[in-house]
Amino acid sequence: MHWKVYNQGMTQKKLQVPEVHCDHCKTSIEGAVAELDGINKVEVAIAEATVDVDYDEATVDLDKIKSTIEEQGYAVFG
């Protein structure tokens, strides 16, 4: 897993989401996560079955991001 902290207080995390396999998956996850406060960027890579997310840890924590993805019906690792 990749973990990087930016000077601006933003954190980047790559999550494994093995069930991602189509544009519907991408749209569902990106839409739900983007609605959370503190999300700077969220991008699903279908071919890699990953979700890259840049977020402000002072506003939203990683557990909330993971639970939001899980609420869409996808298991999250990382």
PDB file of N, CA and C in Angstrom:
ATOM      1  N   MET A   1       0.830  -1.179   0.000  1.00  0.00           N
ATOM      2  CA  MET A   1       0.000   0.000   0.000  1.00  0.00           C
ATOM      3  C   MET A   1       0.878   1.247   0.000  1.00  0.00           C
ATOM      4  N   HIS A   2       0.381   2.258  -0.646  1.00  0.00           N
ATOM      5  CA  HIS A   2       1.107   3.518  -0.719  1.00  0.00           C
ATOM      6  C   HIS A   2       0.531   4.481   0.303  1.00  0.00           C
ATOM      7  N   TRP A   3       1.392   5.207   0.950  1.00  0.00           N
ATOM      8  CA  TRP A   3       0.979   6.171   1.964  1.00  0.00           C
ATOM      9  C   TRP A   3       1.862   7.386   1.830  1.00  0.00           C
ATOM     10  N   LYS A   4       1.260   8.532   1.626  1.00  0.00           N
ATOM     11  CA  LYS A   4       2.049   9.735   1.420  1.00  0.00           C
ATOM     12  C   LYS A   4       1.322  10.914   2.057  1.00  0.00           C
ATOM     13  N   VAL A   5       2.027  11.726   2.797  1.00  0.00           N
ATOM     14  CA  VAL A   5       1.436  12.901   3.419  1.00  0.00           C
ATOM     15  C   VAL A   5       1.970  14.141   2.709  1.00  0.00           C
ATOM     16  N   TYR A   6       1.060  14.990   2.274  1.00  0.00           N
ATOM     17  CA  TYR A   6       1.428  16.221   1.596  1.00  0.00           C
ATOM     18  C   TYR A   6       1.600  17.353   2.598  1.00  0.00           C
ATOM     19  N   ASN A   7       2.372  18.344   2.237  1.00  0.00           N
ATOM     20  CA  ASN A   7       2.598  19.498   3.098  1.00  0.00           C
ATOM     21  C   ASN A   7       1.312  20.235   3.441  1.00  0.00           C
ATOM     22  N   GLN A   8       0.341  20.227   2.547  1.00  0.00           N
ATOM     23  CA  GLN A   8      -0.906  20.944   2.759  1.00  0.00           C
ATOM     24  C   GLN A   8      -1.851  20.206   3.697  1.00  0.00           C
ATOM     25  N   GLY A   9      -1.403  19.133   4.327  1.00  0.00           N
ATOM     26  CA  GLY A   9      -2.267  18.376   5.214  1.00  0.00           C
ATOM     27  C   GLY A   9      -3.073  17.314   4.509  1.00  0.00           C
ATOM     28  N   MET A  10      -2.831  17.109   3.225  1.00  0.00           N
ATOM     29  CA  MET A  10      -3.552  16.095   2.471  1.00  0.00           C
ATOM     30  C   MET A  10      -2.796  14.771   2.544  1.00  0.00           C
ATOM     31  N   THR A  11      -3.542  13.688   2.626  1.00  0.00           N
ATOM     32  CA  THR A  11      -2.978  12.351   2.677  1.00  0.00           C
ATOM     33  C   THR A  11      -3.448  11.585   1.457  1.00  0.00           C
ATOM     34  N   GLN A  12      -2.560  10.771   0.891  1.00  0.00           N
ATOM     35  CA  GLN A  12      -2.911   9.961  -0.269  1.00  0.00           C
ATOM     36  C   GLN A  12      -2.860   8.500   0.138  1.00  0.00           C
ATOM     37  N   LYS A  13      -3.868   7.746  -0.266  1.00  0.00           N
ATOM     38  CA  LYS A  13      -3.933   6.322   0.059  1.00  0.00           C
ATOM     39  C   LYS A  13      -4.434   5.565  -1.156  1.00  0.00           C
ATOM     40  N   LYS A  14      -3.836   4.387  -1.389  1.00  0.00           N
ATOM     41  CA  LYS A  14      -4.292   3.495  -2.458  1.00  0.00           C
ATOM     42  C   LYS A  14      -4.921   2.283  -1.779  1.00  0.00           C
ATOM     43  N   LEU A  15      -6.186   2.035  -2.086  1.00  0.00           N
ATOM     44  CA  LEU A  15      -6.924   0.921  -1.509  1.00  0.00           C
ATOM     45  C   LEU A  15      -7.174  -0.148  -2.564  1.00  0.00           C
ATOM     46  N   GLN A  16      -7.082  -1.395  -2.171  1.00  0.00           N
ATOM     47  CA  GLN A  16      -7.397  -2.509  -3.058  1.00  0.00           C
ATOM     48  C   GLN A  16      -8.892  -2.807  -2.927  1.00  0.00           C
ATOM     49  N   VAL A  17      -9.571  -2.834  -4.062  1.00  0.00           N
ATOM     50  CA  VAL A  17     -11.003  -3.141  -4.095  1.00  0.00           C
ATOM     51  C   VAL A  17     -11.199  -4.172  -5.211  1.00  0.00           C
ATOM     52  N   PRO A  18     -10.972  -5.460  -4.884  1.00  0.00           N
ATOM     53  CA  PRO A  18     -10.908  -6.507  -5.908  1.00  0.00           C
ATOM     54  C   PRO A  18     -12.164  -6.687  -6.748  1.00  0.00           C
ATOM     55  N   GLU A  19     -13.308  -6.270  -6.234  1.00  0.00           N
ATOM     56  CA  GLU A  19     -14.549  -6.482  -6.974  1.00  0.00           C
ATOM     57  C   GLU A  19     -14.824  -5.407  -8.026  1.00  0.00           C
ATOM     58  N   VAL A  20     -13.952  -4.425  -8.149  1.00  0.00           N
ATOM     59  CA  VAL A  20     -14.109  -3.385  -9.166  1.00  0.00           C
ATOM     60  C   VAL A  20     -13.799  -3.989 -10.528  1.00  0.00           C
ATOM     61  N   HIS A  21     -14.781  -3.916 -11.432  1.00  0.00           N
ATOM     62  CA  HIS A  21     -14.543  -4.519 -12.750  1.00  0.00           C
ATOM     63  C   HIS A  21     -15.243  -3.803 -13.901  1.00  0.00           C
ATOM     64  N   CYS A  22     -15.963  -2.690 -13.622  1.00  0.00           N
ATOM     65  CA  CYS A  22     -16.683  -2.035 -14.718  1.00  0.00           C
ATOM     66  C   CYS A  22     -16.879  -0.547 -14.424  1.00  0.00           C
ATOM     67  N   ASP A  23     -17.404   0.163 -15.401  1.00  0.00           N
ATOM     68  CA  ASP A  23     -17.646   1.600 -15.246  1.00  0.00           C
ATOM     69  C   ASP A  23     -18.685   1.888 -14.172  1.00  0.00           C
ATOM     70  N   HIS A  24     -19.658   0.997 -13.996  1.00  0.00           N
ATOM     71  CA  HIS A  24     -20.651   1.194 -12.938  1.00  0.00           C
ATOM     72  C   HIS A  24     -19.968   1.184 -11.568  1.00  0.00           C
ATOM     73  N   CYS A  25     -19.049   0.253 -11.366  1.00  0.00           N
ATOM     74  CA  CYS A  25     -18.291   0.191 -10.108  1.00  0.00           C
ATOM     75  C   CYS A  25     -17.554   1.504  -9.884  1.00  0.00           C
ATOM     76  N   LYS A  26     -16.883   1.963 -10.912  1.00  0.00           N
ATOM     77  CA  LYS A  26     -16.101   3.200 -10.846  1.00  0.00           C
ATOM     78  C   LYS A  26     -16.995   4.382 -10.474  1.00  0.00           C
ATOM     79  N   THR A  27     -18.094   4.528 -11.173  1.00  0.00           N
ATOM     80  CA  THR A  27     -19.005   5.640 -10.940  1.00  0.00           C
ATOM     81  C   THR A  27     -19.606   5.591  -9.543  1.00  0.00           C
ATOM     82  N   SER A  28     -19.998   4.411  -9.112  1.00  0.00           N
ATOM     83  CA  SER A  28     -20.610   4.232  -7.799  1.00  0.00           C
ATOM     84  C   SER A  28     -19.655   4.629  -6.677  1.00  0.00           C
ATOM     85  N   ILE A  29     -18.447   4.110  -6.727  1.00  0.00           N
ATOM     86  CA  ILE A  29     -17.458   4.387  -5.675  1.00  0.00           C
ATOM     87  C   ILE A  29     -17.016   5.846  -5.707  1.00  0.00           C
ATOM     88  N   GLU A  30     -16.649   6.337  -6.888  1.00  0.00           N
ATOM     89  CA  GLU A  30     -16.180   7.725  -6.976  1.00  0.00           C
ATOM     90  C   GLU A  30     -17.257   8.708  -6.522  1.00  0.00           C
ATOM     91  N   GLY A  31     -18.502   8.465  -6.903  1.00  0.00           N
ATOM     92  CA  GLY A  31     -19.591   9.359  -6.517  1.00  0.00           C
ATOM     93  C   GLY A  31     -19.808   9.392  -5.015  1.00  0.00           C
ATOM     94  N   ALA A  32     -19.816   8.221  -4.390  1.00  0.00           N
ATOM     95  CA  ALA A  32     -20.069   8.133  -2.953  1.00  0.00           C
ATOM     96  C   ALA A  32     -18.930   8.752  -2.147  1.00  0.00           C
ATOM     97  N   VAL A  33     -17.693   8.436  -2.505  1.00  0.00           N
ATOM     98  CA  VAL A  33     -16.549   8.949  -1.749  1.00  0.00           C
ATOM     99  C   VAL A  33     -16.393  10.455  -1.959  1.00  0.00           C
ATOM    100  N   ALA A  34     -16.628  10.929  -3.169  1.00  0.00           N
ATOM    101  CA  ALA A  34     -16.484  12.357  -3.462  1.00  0.00           C
ATOM    102  C   ALA A  34     -17.443  13.212  -2.636  1.00  0.00           C
ATOM    103  N   GLU A  35     -18.566  12.644  -2.203  1.00  0.00           N
ATOM    104  CA  GLU A  35     -19.539  13.391  -1.405  1.00  0.00           C
ATOM    105  C   GLU A  35     -19.078  13.625   0.032  1.00  0.00           C
ATOM    106  N   LEU A  36     -18.078  12.885   0.496  1.00  0.00           N
ATOM    107  CA  LEU A  36     -17.591  13.053   1.860  1.00  0.00           C
ATOM    108  C   LEU A  36     -16.827  14.367   2.001  1.00  0.00           C
ATOM    109  N   ASP A  37     -17.023  15.032   3.125  1.00  0.00           N
ATOM    110  CA  ASP A  37     -16.239  16.234   3.414  1.00  0.00           C
ATOM    111  C   ASP A  37     -14.774  15.837   3.576  1.00  0.00           C
ATOM    112  N   GLY A  38     -13.876  16.657   3.062  1.00  0.00           N
ATOM    113  CA  GLY A  38     -12.447  16.421   3.222  1.00  0.00           C
ATOM    114  C   GLY A  38     -11.802  15.645   2.096  1.00  0.00           C
ATOM    115  N   ILE A  39     -12.588  15.237   1.104  1.00  0.00           N
ATOM    116  CA  ILE A  39     -12.027  14.494  -0.033  1.00  0.00           C
ATOM    117  C   ILE A  39     -11.547  15.497  -1.072  1.00  0.00           C
ATOM    118  N   ASN A  40     -10.287  15.402  -1.433  1.00  0.00           N
ATOM    119  CA  ASN A  40      -9.722  16.266  -2.460  1.00  0.00           C
ATOM    120  C   ASN A  40      -9.854  15.609  -3.836  1.00  0.00           C
ATOM    121  N   LYS A  41      -9.620  14.290  -3.891  1.00  0.00           N
ATOM    122  CA  LYS A  41      -9.650  13.570  -5.165  1.00  0.00           C
ATOM    123  C   LYS A  41      -9.908  12.097  -4.880  1.00  0.00           C
ATOM    124  N   VAL A  42     -10.707  11.465  -5.729  1.00  0.00           N
ATOM    125  CA  VAL A  42     -10.901  10.024  -5.666  1.00  0.00           C
ATOM    126  C   VAL A  42     -10.916   9.502  -7.093  1.00  0.00           C
ATOM    127  N   GLU A  43     -10.146   8.444  -7.328  1.00  0.00           N
ATOM    128  CA  GLU A  43     -10.062   7.884  -8.681  1.00  0.00           C
ATOM    129  C   GLU A  43      -9.983   6.371  -8.597  1.00  0.00           C
ATOM    130  N   VAL A  44     -10.915   5.716  -9.297  1.00  0.00           N
ATOM    131  CA  VAL A  44     -10.942   4.258  -9.369  1.00  0.00           C
ATOM    132  C   VAL A  44     -10.213   3.825 -10.633  1.00  0.00           C
ATOM    133  N   ALA A  45      -9.275   2.876 -10.482  1.00  0.00           N
ATOM    134  CA  ALA A  45      -8.573   2.281 -11.623  1.00  0.00           C
ATOM    135  C   ALA A  45      -9.130   0.871 -11.797  1.00  0.00           C
ATOM    136  N   ILE A  46      -9.973   0.697 -12.807  1.00  0.00           N
ATOM    137  CA  ILE A  46     -10.645  -0.584 -13.014  1.00  0.00           C
ATOM    138  C   ILE A  46      -9.636  -1.702 -13.261  1.00  0.00           C
ATOM    139  N   ALA A  47      -8.674  -1.491 -14.138  1.00  0.00           N
ATOM    140  CA  ALA A  47      -7.714  -2.535 -14.498  1.00  0.00           C
ATOM    141  C   ALA A  47      -6.901  -3.016 -13.297  1.00  0.00           C
ATOM    142  N   GLU A  48      -6.597  -2.104 -12.366  1.00  0.00           N
ATOM    143  CA  GLU A  48      -5.804  -2.456 -11.190  1.00  0.00           C
ATOM    144  C   GLU A  48      -6.677  -2.824  -9.987  1.00  0.00           C
ATOM    145  N   ALA A  49      -7.988  -2.585 -10.097  1.00  0.00           N
ATOM    146  CA  ALA A  49      -8.928  -2.802  -8.987  1.00  0.00           C
ATOM    147  C   ALA A  49      -8.481  -2.046  -7.736  1.00  0.00           C
ATOM    148  N   THR A  50      -8.180  -0.749  -7.943  1.00  0.00           N
ATOM    149  CA  THR A  50      -7.743   0.097  -6.833  1.00  0.00           C
ATOM    150  C   THR A  50      -8.554   1.386  -6.803  1.00  0.00           C
ATOM    151  N   VAL A  51      -8.532   1.999  -5.623  1.00  0.00           N
ATOM    152  CA  VAL A  51      -9.117   3.323  -5.441  1.00  0.00           C
ATOM    153  C   VAL A  51      -8.024   4.204  -4.842  1.00  0.00           C
ATOM    154  N   ASP A  52      -7.671   5.262  -5.560  1.00  0.00           N
ATOM    155  CA  ASP A  52      -6.724   6.257  -5.053  1.00  0.00           C
ATOM    156  C   ASP A  52      -7.537   7.403  -4.483  1.00  0.00           C
ATOM    157  N   VAL A  53      -7.216   7.767  -3.263  1.00  0.00           N
ATOM    158  CA  VAL A  53      -7.953   8.853  -2.625  1.00  0.00           C
ATOM    159  C   VAL A  53      -6.987   9.822  -1.955  1.00  0.00           C
ATOM    160  N   ASP A  54      -7.197  11.116  -2.185  1.00  0.00           N
ATOM    161  CA  ASP A  54      -6.457  12.186  -1.522  1.00  0.00           C
ATOM    162  C   ASP A  54      -7.453  12.852  -0.585  1.00  0.00           C
ATOM    163  N   TYR A  55      -7.104  12.942   0.692  1.00  0.00           N
ATOM    164  CA  TYR A  55      -8.066  13.475   1.654  1.00  0.00           C
ATOM    165  C   TYR A  55      -7.373  14.200   2.791  1.00  0.00           C
ATOM    166  N   ASP A  56      -8.158  15.003   3.498  1.00  0.00           N
ATOM    167  CA  ASP A  56      -7.687  15.765   4.646  1.00  0.00           C
ATOM    168  C   ASP A  56      -8.018  14.972   5.904  1.00  0.00           C
ATOM    169  N   GLU A  57      -6.990  14.441   6.574  1.00  0.00           N
ATOM    170  CA  GLU A  57      -7.197  13.625   7.772  1.00  0.00           C
ATOM    171  C   GLU A  57      -7.857  14.394   8.910  1.00  0.00           C
ATOM    172  N   ALA A  58      -7.771  15.706   8.887  1.00  0.00           N
ATOM    173  CA  ALA A  58      -8.405  16.502   9.927  1.00  0.00           C
ATOM    174  C   ALA A  58      -9.924  16.554   9.747  1.00  0.00           C
ATOM    175  N   THR A  59     -10.390  16.213   8.551  1.00  0.00           N
ATOM    176  CA  THR A  59     -11.811  16.288   8.237  1.00  0.00           C
ATOM    177  C   THR A  59     -12.467  14.918   8.120  1.00  0.00           C
ATOM    178  N   VAL A  60     -11.779  13.962   7.514  1.00  0.00           N
ATOM    179  CA  VAL A  60     -12.343  12.623   7.292  1.00  0.00           C
ATOM    180  C   VAL A  60     -11.247  11.593   7.553  1.00  0.00           C
ATOM    181  N   ASP A  61     -11.612  10.477   8.177  1.00  0.00           N
ATOM    182  CA  ASP A  61     -10.599   9.457   8.427  1.00  0.00           C
ATOM    183  C   ASP A  61     -10.741   8.296   7.440  1.00  0.00           C
ATOM    184  N   LEU A  62      -9.712   7.486   7.382  1.00  0.00           N
ATOM    185  CA  LEU A  62      -9.657   6.383   6.432  1.00  0.00           C
ATOM    186  C   LEU A  62     -10.776   5.379   6.679  1.00  0.00           C
ATOM    187  N   ASP A  63     -11.133   5.144   7.926  1.00  0.00           N
ATOM    188  CA  ASP A  63     -12.224   4.205   8.214  1.00  0.00           C
ATOM    189  C   ASP A  63     -13.535   4.660   7.595  1.00  0.00           C
ATOM    190  N   LYS A  64     -13.806   5.955   7.607  1.00  0.00           N
ATOM    191  CA  LYS A  64     -15.033   6.484   6.999  1.00  0.00           C
ATOM    192  C   LYS A  64     -15.007   6.286   5.493  1.00  0.00           C
ATOM    193  N   ILE A  65     -13.858   6.486   4.877  1.00  0.00           N
ATOM    194  CA  ILE A  65     -13.732   6.286   3.435  1.00  0.00           C
ATOM    195  C   ILE A  65     -13.982   4.816   3.094  1.00  0.00           C
ATOM    196  N   LYS A  66     -13.348   3.926   3.855  1.00  0.00           N
ATOM    197  CA  LYS A  66     -13.537   2.488   3.621  1.00  0.00           C
ATOM    198  C   LYS A  66     -14.994   2.084   3.813  1.00  0.00           C
ATOM    199  N   SER A  67     -15.623   2.555   4.877  1.00  0.00           N
ATOM    200  CA  SER A  67     -17.010   2.173   5.128  1.00  0.00           C
ATOM    201  C   SER A  67     -17.939   2.707   4.037  1.00  0.00           C
ATOM    202  N   THR A  68     -17.624   3.863   3.484  1.00  0.00           N
ATOM    203  CA  THR A  68     -18.418   4.414   2.385  1.00  0.00           C
ATOM    204  C   THR A  68     -18.327   3.526   1.148  1.00  0.00           C
ATOM    205  N   ILE A  69     -17.135   3.031   0.855  1.00  0.00           N
ATOM    206  CA  ILE A  69     -16.956   2.110  -0.273  1.00  0.00           C
ATOM    207  C   ILE A  69     -17.696   0.805   0.006  1.00  0.00           C
ATOM    208  N   GLU A  70     -17.586   0.308   1.229  1.00  0.00           N
ATOM    209  CA  GLU A  70     -18.266  -0.932   1.601  1.00  0.00           C
ATOM    210  C   GLU A  70     -19.778  -0.785   1.521  1.00  0.00           C
ATOM    211  N   GLU A  71     -20.303   0.392   1.842  1.00  0.00           N
ATOM    212  CA  GLU A  71     -21.746   0.648   1.733  1.00  0.00           C
ATOM    213  C   GLU A  71     -22.220   0.572   0.287  1.00  0.00           C
ATOM    214  N   GLN A  72     -21.308   0.747  -0.647  1.00  0.00           N
ATOM    215  CA  GLN A  72     -21.643   0.620  -2.071  1.00  0.00           C
ATOM    216  C   GLN A  72     -21.615  -0.850  -2.523  1.00  0.00           C
ATOM    217  N   GLY A  73     -21.172  -1.736  -1.628  1.00  0.00           N
ATOM    218  CA  GLY A  73     -21.185  -3.162  -1.929  1.00  0.00           C
ATOM    219  C   GLY A  73     -19.842  -3.757  -2.288  1.00  0.00           C
ATOM    220  N   TYR A  74     -18.747  -3.073  -1.945  1.00  0.00           N
ATOM    221  CA  TYR A  74     -17.414  -3.533  -2.332  1.00  0.00           C
ATOM    222  C   TYR A  74     -16.526  -3.746  -1.096  1.00  0.00           C
ATOM    223  N   ALA A  75     -15.831  -4.873  -1.064  1.00  0.00           N
ATOM    224  CA  ALA A  75     -14.870  -5.128  -0.004  1.00  0.00           C
ATOM    225  C   ALA A  75     -13.631  -4.276  -0.237  1.00  0.00           C
ATOM    226  N   VAL A  76     -13.022  -3.797   0.847  1.00  0.00           N
ATOM    227  CA  VAL A  76     -11.853  -2.903   0.756  1.00  0.00           C
ATOM    228  C   VAL A  76     -10.691  -3.510   1.527  1.00  0.00           C
ATOM    229  N   PHE A  77      -9.514  -3.482   0.909  1.00  0.00           N
ATOM    230  CA  PHE A  77      -8.287  -3.939   1.550  1.00  0.00           C
ATOM    231  C   PHE A  77      -7.252  -2.839   1.424  1.00  0.00           C
ATOM    232  N   GLY A  78      -6.493  -2.623   2.490  1.00  0.00           N
ATOM    233  CA  GLY A  78      -5.427  -1.626   2.431  1.00  0.00           C
ATOM    234  C   GLY A  78      -5.646  -0.485   3.353  1.00  0.00           C
TER     235      GLY A  78
END
